[in-house]
Amino acid sequence: MLISKSFIPILKNNPSEAKIKSHQLMLRVGMIKQSSAGIYSWLPLGFKVMKKIEQIVREEQNKIGAQEILMPTIQSSEIWKESGRYEDYGEEMLRIKDRQDREMLYGPTNEELVTDIFRSSIKSYKSLPQLLYHIQWKFRDEIRPRFGIMRCREFYMKDAYSFDVSDEEALFSYNKFFISYLKTFKRLDLTAIPMAADTGPIGGNLSHEFIILAETGESKIFTDKRIFDVESEGTELNKNSLNDLRKKFEQFYSVTDEKFNKEEFETKVNEKNRLITKGIEVGHIFYFGDKYSKPMGGSVDLPEGKKDFVKMGSYGIGVSRLVGAIIEAKYDEKDEVMKWPISVAPYDVSIIPMINKNDISALDKANRINLELEKNNIEAIIDDTDENFSSKIKKMNLIGAPYQIIIGKQSKDDHIEFKEVGKDSKKIKLSEVIKIIKEQKAKY
């Protein structure tokens, strides 16, 4: 891709209205454009990153046996009245009426709608468990949207729902999502810590937030530093292994501020291991039993002619929010350098030829290199403008491809100047460049 043909409207300076680095970068590099308060258009660069995150989320959901569906953004008020949440949810719900004066709403979440789908389709315990998920836009009418896509009104979210015959089986499903989230965030090169959390308007008595540490985060957290050393690799998808994994995390005090108890924190955690900081919520899982299935009649036939209401959980990941969360974790604000994890980078490598009006040989070489990269499924962006070299480097540092190929005086014969962003460059063959990038991509 040539940068001259790309829709990447880069601004020279940080927008004055942006207060945190993710909002600054996303506006400055043209990833998003505000449409109205808390509502954004996603432009090509930002959309590419978000769609790559979405695919990783989808792959990890599929691995635990969850099945993808797609529910509408507009829902009938009737099912929310059945569950008892229509009046209770609050002013964040956008309530509307259609031309026939029927009460509708723009879905802030989907517990009611998915329960309605389930109850009309599944009648026997033999069909359980069922794990269903979708990735769809949500709307919550935030009273004060801020921080760009981190606290906006319209957002892109993966929400999943589990249906089980008993509490024991439901906790097994809960733990499947627990491990799935850990693996998802690891593929995004994020360290997300599961923390006991309040259930809020979703309800229930068991909940974990997945938090990444960031000073710009809105969640205050209290944790034992040793939780960062818990290893989840190699955990099998069986009841004992998943239960043991959760116990490994839960042996260390780790809560959000709603669950914080000072006496308990100081009793359970030695002073040297105490960490009080801020973080960004990137995922939230809930177990709430028959909170929705009971009022909505979501029951199944059991052996011996009995019926019982299914036990449910819900599991959310903010796909669009993760774009901002990764920036908060990776962007070097001082040097104005972004390095996307290669698993979600908009481009794997940027090619920066030193061009002048009388000599386009560097650009020709850049195009030849790009052809070889394409053959190896490596996506590159070429800066084919006639800007000076320092401007090109600054621009590519903002775009954030994790690798750069510089075609200048050091690029002679069959060697090229190659660097990983944030590290020193080296002069190597293109075949070695391809090998390095392919190996890194394979890790994720």
Protein backbone atom coordinates (compact mmCIF):
# COMPACT_ATOMS: atom_id res chain seq x y z
CA MET A 1 0.00 0.00 0.00
CA LEU A 2 1.34 3.44 -0.95
CA ILE A 3 0.84 6.06 1.71
CA SER A 4 -0.01 8.63 -0.97
CA LYS A 5 -3.06 6.52 -1.91
CA SER A 6 -4.08 5.72 1.68
CA PHE A 7 -6.80 7.49 3.61
CA ILE A 8 -4.68 8.33 6.66
CA PRO A 9 -5.39 11.99 7.55
CA ILE A 10 -2.49 12.68 9.92
CA LEU A 11 -2.55 15.87 12.00
CA LYS A 12 0.65 17.75 12.82
CA ASN A 13 -0.22 18.25 16.49
CA ASN A 14 -2.26 16.56 19.18
CA PRO A 15 -5.90 17.76 19.20
CA SER A 16 -6.54 20.03 22.18
CA GLU A 17 -9.73 18.18 23.17
CA ALA A 18 -7.90 14.86 23.64
CA LYS A 19 -6.65 14.35 27.21
CA ILE A 20 -5.25 10.80 27.18
CA LYS A 21 -2.71 9.29 24.82
CA SER A 22 -5.04 6.81 23.10
CA HIS A 23 -7.51 9.56 22.21
CA GLN A 24 -4.67 11.83 21.07
CA LEU A 25 -3.08 9.22 18.84
CA MET A 26 -6.32 7.93 17.33
CA LEU A 27 -7.36 11.44 16.30
CA ARG A 28 -3.90 12.53 15.24
CA VAL A 29 -3.15 9.55 13.03
CA GLY A 30 -6.65 9.46 11.58
CA MET A 31 -7.94 6.22 13.10
CA ILE A 32 -11.29 7.73 14.10
CA LYS A 33 -13.34 10.87 13.56
CA GLN A 34 -15.92 12.12 16.02
CA SER A 35 -19.45 12.18 14.64
CA SER A 36 -21.16 13.49 17.77
CA ALA A 37 -20.55 13.30 21.52
CA GLY A 38 -19.26 9.81 22.31
CA ILE A 39 -19.90 8.51 18.78
CA TYR A 40 -17.13 7.94 16.23
CA SER A 41 -16.57 6.92 12.64
CA TRP A 42 -13.83 4.34 12.30
CA LEU A 43 -11.44 5.24 9.48
CA PRO A 44 -9.32 2.67 7.58
CA LEU A 45 -6.33 2.54 9.93
CA GLY A 46 -8.39 2.20 13.10
CA PHE A 47 -10.88 -0.14 11.48
CA LYS A 48 -8.09 -2.51 10.40
CA VAL A 49 -6.77 -2.76 13.94
CA MET A 50 -10.25 -3.28 15.40
CA LYS A 51 -11.11 -6.03 12.90
CA LYS A 52 -7.88 -7.89 13.71
CA ILE A 53 -8.72 -7.73 17.41
CA GLU A 54 -12.21 -8.98 16.60
CA GLN A 55 -10.80 -11.99 14.75
CA ILE A 56 -8.55 -12.98 17.66
CA VAL A 57 -11.51 -12.69 20.04
CA ARG A 58 -13.59 -14.83 17.67
CA GLU A 59 -10.92 -17.52 17.35
CA GLU A 60 -10.54 -17.87 21.12
CA GLN A 61 -14.31 -18.07 21.61
CA ASN A 62 -14.53 -20.80 18.98
CA LYS A 63 -11.77 -22.79 20.72
CA ILE A 64 -13.91 -23.28 23.85
CA GLY A 65 -16.90 -24.41 21.81
CA ALA A 66 -18.86 -21.15 21.74
CA GLN A 67 -21.04 -20.66 18.65
CA GLU A 68 -21.37 -17.32 16.90
CA ILE A 69 -24.73 -15.72 16.23
CA LEU A 70 -25.74 -12.15 15.37
CA MET A 71 -28.49 -10.35 17.27
CA PRO A 72 -29.94 -6.99 16.20
CA THR A 73 -29.01 -3.66 17.74
CA ILE A 74 -32.69 -2.67 18.16
CA GLN A 75 -34.72 -4.68 20.68
CA SER A 76 -38.33 -4.77 21.81
CA SER A 77 -39.06 -3.39 25.26
CA GLU A 78 -41.35 -6.36 25.99
CA ILE A 79 -38.62 -8.84 26.82
CA TRP A 80 -36.95 -6.30 29.11
CA LYS A 81 -40.25 -5.83 30.93
CA GLU A 82 -40.41 -9.61 31.38
CA SER A 83 -37.03 -9.68 33.08
CA GLY A 84 -37.86 -6.61 35.17
CA ARG A 85 -34.98 -4.53 33.89
CA TYR A 86 -36.75 -2.10 31.57
CA GLU A 87 -37.41 0.50 34.26
CA ASP A 88 -34.47 -0.47 36.45
CA TYR A 89 -31.67 -0.15 33.91
CA GLY A 90 -31.58 3.64 34.09
CA GLU A 91 -31.01 6.53 31.74
CA GLU A 92 -28.09 4.87 29.96
CA MET A 93 -30.68 2.93 27.94
CA LEU A 94 -31.74 4.71 24.76
CA ARG A 95 -35.50 4.23 24.53
CA ILE A 96 -37.27 4.91 21.24
CA LYS A 97 -40.66 4.34 19.59
CA ASP A 98 -41.33 3.16 16.06
CA ARG A 99 -44.01 4.63 13.77
CA GLN A 100 -46.64 2.34 15.28
CA ASP A 101 -45.85 3.65 18.76
CA ARG A 102 -44.18 0.43 19.92
CA GLU A 103 -41.53 0.86 22.59
CA MET A 104 -38.09 -0.16 21.35
CA LEU A 105 -34.54 0.30 22.60
CA TYR A 106 -31.00 0.35 21.29
CA GLY A 107 -29.46 -2.65 23.04
CA PRO A 108 -26.95 -1.87 25.82
CA THR A 109 -26.56 -5.63 26.40
CA ASN A 110 -28.33 -8.84 25.34
CA GLU A 111 -29.26 -11.06 28.30
CA GLU A 112 -32.98 -10.74 27.57
CA LEU A 113 -32.77 -11.19 23.82
CA VAL A 114 -30.52 -14.25 23.96
CA THR A 115 -32.73 -15.81 26.67
CA ASP A 116 -35.73 -15.30 24.38
CA ILE A 117 -33.82 -17.04 21.56
CA PHE A 118 -32.86 -19.91 23.86
CA ARG A 119 -36.32 -20.53 25.36
CA SER A 120 -37.93 -20.82 21.93
CA SER A 121 -35.32 -23.30 20.67
CA ILE A 122 -33.97 -25.55 23.44
CA LYS A 123 -36.34 -27.79 25.41
CA SER A 124 -34.22 -30.66 26.80
CA TYR A 125 -31.26 -30.86 29.15
CA LYS A 126 -29.67 -33.15 26.58
CA SER A 127 -28.96 -30.10 24.40
CA LEU A 128 -26.94 -28.41 27.16
CA PRO A 129 -24.55 -26.78 27.60
CA GLN A 130 -25.03 -24.04 25.03
CA LEU A 131 -22.43 -21.27 24.63
CA LEU A 132 -23.53 -18.51 22.27
CA TYR A 133 -21.75 -15.27 21.39
CA HIS A 134 -22.00 -12.39 19.01
CA ILE A 135 -19.92 -9.33 18.13
CA GLN A 136 -22.12 -6.30 17.65
CA TRP A 137 -22.50 -2.57 18.28
CA LYS A 138 -23.94 -1.49 21.63
CA PHE A 139 -25.24 1.86 22.84
CA ARG A 140 -25.20 3.23 26.37
CA ASP A 141 -26.12 6.86 26.81
CA GLU A 142 -23.20 7.91 29.01
CA ILE A 143 -23.94 11.10 30.90
CA ARG A 144 -20.39 12.33 30.25
CA PRO A 145 -18.65 10.50 27.40
CA ARG A 146 -14.91 11.14 27.52
CA PHE A 147 -11.47 9.78 26.65
CA GLY A 148 -12.37 9.01 23.04
CA ILE A 149 -13.38 5.41 22.47
CA MET A 150 -12.50 4.46 26.05
CA ARG A 151 -15.71 5.90 27.48
CA CYS A 152 -18.04 6.47 24.56
CA ARG A 153 -21.74 5.93 23.89
CA GLU A 154 -21.59 3.60 20.88
CA PHE A 155 -19.05 0.78 21.03
CA TYR A 156 -18.23 -2.57 19.47
CA MET A 157 -18.42 -5.51 21.83
CA LYS A 158 -18.25 -9.27 22.02
CA ASP A 159 -20.83 -10.61 24.43
CA ALA A 160 -21.33 -14.30 25.11
CA TYR A 161 -23.93 -16.25 27.10
CA SER A 162 -23.84 -19.70 28.67
CA PHE A 163 -26.79 -21.98 29.41
CA ASP A 164 -26.32 -24.95 31.72
CA VAL A 165 -28.43 -27.51 33.60
CA SER A 166 -26.84 -26.96 37.05
CA ASP A 167 -24.65 -24.60 39.05
CA GLU A 168 -21.75 -27.04 38.80
CA GLU A 169 -21.94 -27.21 35.00
CA ALA A 170 -22.44 -23.44 34.81
CA LEU A 171 -19.24 -22.81 36.75
CA PHE A 172 -17.43 -25.07 34.29
CA SER A 173 -18.68 -22.81 31.48
CA TYR A 174 -17.66 -19.73 33.49
CA ASN A 175 -14.15 -21.11 33.85
CA LYS A 176 -13.94 -21.81 30.11
CA PHE A 177 -14.49 -18.14 29.43
CA PHE A 178 -12.03 -17.27 32.20
CA ILE A 179 -9.19 -19.11 30.41
CA SER A 180 -10.38 -17.92 27.00
CA TYR A 181 -10.01 -14.30 28.12
CA LEU A 182 -6.52 -14.87 29.48
CA LYS A 183 -5.47 -16.38 26.14
CA THR A 184 -7.17 -13.63 24.14
CA PHE A 185 -5.35 -10.84 25.94
CA LYS A 186 -2.04 -12.66 25.74
CA ARG A 187 -2.38 -12.81 21.93
CA LEU A 188 -2.87 -9.04 22.05
CA ASP A 189 0.40 -8.75 24.01
CA LEU A 190 -1.46 -7.48 27.07
CA THR A 191 -1.13 -8.59 30.68
CA ALA A 192 -4.72 -8.64 31.92
CA ILE A 193 -5.30 -9.54 35.57
CA PRO A 194 -8.62 -11.14 36.64
CA MET A 195 -10.03 -9.30 39.64
CA ALA A 196 -13.11 -9.92 41.77
CA ALA A 197 -15.63 -7.29 40.77
CA ASP A 198 -19.11 -5.96 41.44
CA THR A 199 -21.85 -7.36 39.20
CA GLY A 200 -23.59 -4.00 38.66
CA PRO A 201 -26.81 -3.88 36.57
CA ILE A 202 -26.12 -7.34 35.08
CA GLY A 203 -26.72 -8.99 38.46
CA GLY A 204 -25.55 -12.25 39.98
CA ASN A 205 -23.11 -13.18 42.72
CA LEU A 206 -19.88 -14.04 40.86
CA SER A 207 -17.95 -11.69 38.62
CA HIS A 208 -14.41 -10.98 37.42
CA GLU A 209 -13.07 -7.97 35.61
CA PHE A 210 -9.96 -8.33 33.46
CA ILE A 211 -7.79 -5.27 34.01
CA ILE A 212 -4.63 -4.01 32.35
CA LEU A 213 -2.52 -1.60 34.38
CA ALA A 214 -2.62 2.00 33.14
CA GLU A 215 -2.42 5.33 34.96
CA THR A 216 -5.15 6.66 32.69
CA GLY A 217 -7.53 3.88 33.72
CA GLU A 218 -10.81 4.64 35.47
CA SER A 219 -10.74 1.53 37.67
CA LYS A 220 -8.82 1.73 40.94
CA ILE A 221 -7.38 -1.65 41.81
CA PHE A 222 -5.86 -3.28 44.88
CA THR A 223 -3.79 -6.37 44.27
CA ASP A 224 -1.01 -8.66 45.38
CA LYS A 225 1.96 -8.30 43.02
CA ARG A 226 2.49 -12.07 43.04
CA ILE A 227 -0.62 -12.51 40.89
CA PHE A 228 1.46 -11.40 37.89
CA ASP A 229 3.50 -14.60 38.18
CA VAL A 230 0.54 -16.98 37.85
CA GLU A 231 0.99 -19.11 34.73
CA SER A 232 -2.00 -20.20 32.65
CA GLU A 233 -0.17 -21.93 29.79
CA GLY A 234 -1.00 -25.57 29.24
CA THR A 235 -4.31 -25.47 31.09
CA GLU A 236 -6.67 -28.10 29.69
CA LEU A 237 -10.38 -27.55 29.13
CA ASN A 238 -11.58 -29.91 31.85
CA LYS A 239 -13.30 -29.14 35.13
CA ASN A 240 -10.38 -29.85 37.44
CA SER A 241 -7.74 -27.97 35.44
CA LEU A 242 -9.90 -24.89 34.96
CA ASN A 243 -11.01 -24.85 38.58
CA ASP A 244 -7.38 -25.16 39.72
CA LEU A 245 -6.41 -22.27 37.45
CA ARG A 246 -9.00 -19.96 38.95
CA LYS A 247 -7.87 -20.96 42.44
CA LYS A 248 -4.28 -20.03 41.51
CA PHE A 249 -5.40 -16.50 40.73
CA GLU A 250 -7.88 -16.22 43.57
CA GLN A 251 -5.32 -17.16 46.24
CA PHE A 252 -3.94 -13.64 45.79
CA TYR A 253 -5.98 -10.64 46.88
CA SER A 254 -6.99 -8.75 43.75
CA VAL A 255 -10.11 -6.56 43.58
CA THR A 256 -11.56 -3.44 42.03
CA ASP A 257 -12.48 -0.53 44.28
CA GLU A 258 -16.14 -1.62 44.63
CA LYS A 259 -14.96 -4.82 46.36
CA PHE A 260 -12.09 -3.29 48.33
CA ASN A 261 -11.81 -3.98 52.04
CA LYS A 262 -8.86 -2.25 53.68
CA GLU A 263 -8.61 -4.62 56.65
CA GLU A 264 -8.75 -7.69 54.43
CA PHE A 265 -6.17 -6.24 52.02
CA GLU A 266 -3.67 -5.45 54.79
CA THR A 267 -4.22 -8.82 56.47
CA LYS A 268 -3.80 -10.95 53.34
CA VAL A 269 -1.05 -9.03 51.54
CA ASN A 270 2.41 -8.25 52.91
CA GLU A 271 3.33 -4.60 52.56
CA LYS A 272 6.07 -5.31 50.00
CA ASN A 273 3.57 -7.12 47.76
CA ARG A 274 0.78 -4.53 47.91
CA LEU A 275 -0.03 -2.69 44.70
CA ILE A 276 -2.56 0.12 44.55
CA THR A 277 -2.90 1.61 41.11
CA LYS A 278 -5.29 2.24 38.24
CA GLY A 279 -6.28 0.05 35.35
CA ILE A 280 -8.45 -0.27 32.28
CA GLU A 281 -11.22 -2.84 32.19
CA VAL A 282 -10.95 -4.84 28.95
CA GLY A 283 -13.25 -7.75 29.82
CA HIS A 284 -15.95 -8.64 32.35
CA ILE A 285 -17.57 -12.00 33.09
CA PHE A 286 -20.65 -12.73 35.24
CA TYR A 287 -22.45 -15.73 36.66
CA PHE A 288 -26.06 -15.04 37.65
CA GLY A 289 -27.83 -18.43 37.77
CA ASP A 290 -31.54 -18.16 36.90
CA LYS A 291 -31.84 -14.35 37.25
CA TYR A 292 -33.10 -14.10 33.65
CA SER A 293 -34.21 -17.63 32.83
CA LYS A 294 -36.70 -17.78 35.73
CA PRO A 295 -38.78 -14.65 34.99
CA MET A 296 -38.60 -15.33 31.26
CA GLY A 297 -39.46 -19.02 31.39
CA GLY A 298 -36.15 -20.36 30.14
CA SER A 299 -36.51 -23.94 31.38
CA VAL A 300 -35.58 -27.39 30.07
CA ASP A 301 -36.98 -30.88 30.60
CA LEU A 302 -35.00 -32.96 33.07
CA PRO A 303 -35.05 -36.75 33.58
CA GLU A 304 -38.18 -38.18 35.20
CA GLY A 305 -40.42 -35.48 33.73
CA LYS A 306 -39.17 -32.58 35.84
CA LYS A 307 -38.41 -29.08 34.57
CA ASP A 308 -35.90 -26.55 35.81
CA PHE A 309 -34.69 -23.11 34.82
CA VAL A 310 -31.29 -23.06 33.16
CA LYS A 311 -28.31 -21.48 34.86
CA MET A 312 -26.75 -18.62 32.92
CA GLY A 313 -23.65 -16.45 32.70
CA SER A 314 -22.60 -13.59 30.44
CA TYR A 315 -19.16 -12.62 29.20
CA GLY A 316 -18.13 -9.33 27.60
CA ILE A 317 -15.04 -8.01 25.84
CA GLY A 318 -14.87 -4.43 24.57
CA VAL A 319 -13.44 -4.97 21.10
CA SER A 320 -13.34 -1.28 20.19
CA ARG A 321 -12.11 -0.35 23.67
CA LEU A 322 -9.19 -2.74 23.25
CA VAL A 323 -7.82 -0.55 20.46
CA GLY A 324 -7.47 2.28 22.96
CA ALA A 325 -6.24 -0.03 25.72
CA ILE A 326 -3.40 -1.33 23.55
CA ILE A 327 -2.36 2.25 22.77
CA GLU A 328 -2.39 3.13 26.46
CA ALA A 329 -0.12 0.14 27.12
CA LYS A 330 2.24 0.56 24.14
CA TYR A 331 2.41 4.21 23.06
CA ASP A 332 5.55 6.15 24.03
CA GLU A 333 4.10 9.61 24.52
CA LYS A 334 7.47 11.26 25.11
CA ASP A 335 9.07 10.10 21.85
CA GLU A 336 5.75 9.90 19.94
CA VAL A 337 6.28 6.27 18.99
CA MET A 338 3.55 3.64 18.71
CA LYS A 339 4.45 -0.03 18.35
CA TRP A 340 1.41 -2.19 17.68
CA PRO A 341 1.63 -5.89 18.60
CA ILE A 342 2.20 -7.68 15.31
CA SER A 343 -0.99 -9.69 15.86
CA VAL A 344 -3.14 -6.58 15.35
CA ALA A 345 -0.84 -4.06 13.66
CA PRO A 346 -2.44 -2.26 10.69
CA TYR A 347 0.72 -3.12 8.74
CA ASP A 348 3.46 -5.59 9.58
CA VAL A 349 6.23 -3.37 8.26
CA SER A 350 6.67 0.15 6.93
CA ILE A 351 9.03 0.75 4.02
CA ILE A 352 10.72 4.14 4.02
CA PRO A 353 12.65 4.94 0.81
CA MET A 354 14.77 8.09 0.62
CA ILE A 355 13.41 9.73 -2.53
CA ASN A 356 14.46 12.80 -4.46
CA LYS A 357 13.11 14.25 -7.69
CA ASN A 358 16.08 13.15 -9.76
CA ASP A 359 16.40 9.61 -8.45
CA ILE A 360 13.47 7.24 -7.83
CA SER A 361 15.60 4.09 -7.62
CA ALA A 362 14.86 3.79 -3.87
CA LEU A 363 11.12 3.79 -4.58
CA ASP A 364 11.57 1.16 -7.30
CA LYS A 365 13.46 -0.99 -4.82
CA ALA A 366 10.70 -0.45 -2.22
CA ASN A 367 8.11 -1.71 -4.70
CA ARG A 368 10.20 -4.80 -5.51
CA ILE A 369 10.63 -5.54 -1.80
CA ASN A 370 6.90 -5.14 -1.27
CA LEU A 371 6.17 -7.73 -3.96
CA GLU A 372 8.35 -10.26 -2.11
CA LEU A 373 6.68 -9.44 1.18
CA GLU A 374 3.23 -9.90 -0.35
CA LYS A 375 4.23 -13.36 -1.55
CA ASN A 376 4.91 -14.24 2.10
CA ASN A 377 1.64 -12.74 3.42
CA ILE A 378 3.45 -9.80 4.99
CA GLU A 379 1.58 -6.51 4.68
CA ALA A 380 3.61 -3.35 4.16
CA ILE A 381 2.96 0.35 3.73
CA ILE A 382 5.36 2.39 1.57
CA ASP A 383 5.98 6.08 2.17
CA ASP A 384 6.25 7.21 -1.46
CA THR A 385 6.02 10.92 -0.64
CA ASP A 386 8.87 13.37 -1.24
CA GLU A 387 8.97 14.55 2.37
CA ASN A 388 12.29 14.69 4.17
CA PHE A 389 13.55 11.56 5.91
CA SER A 390 12.91 12.72 9.50
CA SER A 391 9.29 13.57 8.66
CA LYS A 392 8.79 10.12 7.17
CA ILE A 393 10.22 8.40 10.23
CA LYS A 394 8.03 10.49 12.53
CA LYS A 395 4.95 9.64 10.47
CA MET A 396 5.67 5.92 10.42
CA ASN A 397 6.40 5.94 14.16
CA LEU A 398 2.88 7.27 14.70
CA ILE A 399 1.26 4.71 12.39
CA GLY A 400 3.00 2.05 14.42
CA ALA A 401 4.00 -0.87 12.19
CA PRO A 402 6.29 -2.91 14.48
CA TYR A 403 9.07 -3.14 11.86
CA GLN A 404 10.66 -0.68 9.44
CA ILE A 405 12.70 -1.13 6.27
CA ILE A 406 14.77 1.93 5.40
CA ILE A 407 16.04 2.23 1.84
CA GLY A 408 18.88 4.72 1.70
CA LYS A 409 22.63 4.85 1.65
CA GLN A 410 22.93 1.75 3.81
CA SER A 411 20.78 -0.34 1.45
CA LYS A 412 23.27 -1.62 -1.07
CA ASP A 413 23.53 -4.86 -3.01
CA ASP A 414 21.14 -7.48 -1.58
CA HIS A 415 21.14 -6.05 1.95
CA ILE A 416 18.65 -3.60 3.42
CA GLU A 417 18.47 -1.55 6.59
CA PHE A 418 15.94 -3.18 8.90
CA LYS A 419 14.81 -2.31 12.41
CA GLU A 420 12.27 -3.24 15.03
CA VAL A 421 10.64 -0.07 16.32
CA GLY A 422 12.40 1.09 19.47
CA LYS A 423 15.61 -0.81 18.68
CA ASP A 424 18.74 -0.20 16.62
CA SER A 425 18.70 -0.96 12.91
CA LYS A 426 20.77 -3.65 11.25
CA LYS A 427 21.81 -4.43 7.69
CA ILE A 428 20.48 -7.83 6.61
CA LYS A 429 19.13 -9.67 3.58
CA LEU A 430 15.45 -9.48 2.68
CA SER A 431 15.13 -13.24 3.19
CA GLU A 432 16.19 -12.76 6.82
CA VAL A 433 13.67 -9.93 7.24
CA ILE A 434 10.90 -12.20 5.98
CA LYS A 435 12.00 -14.97 8.34
CA ILE A 436 12.00 -12.65 11.38
CA ILE A 437 8.54 -11.24 10.68
CA LYS A 438 6.97 -14.62 9.87
CA GLU A 439 8.37 -16.11 13.09
CA GLN A 440 6.94 -13.24 15.14
CA LYS A 441 3.53 -13.52 13.48
CA ALA A 442 3.46 -17.28 14.15
CA LYS A 443 3.78 -16.66 17.90
CA TYR A 444 0.34 -15.09 17.98
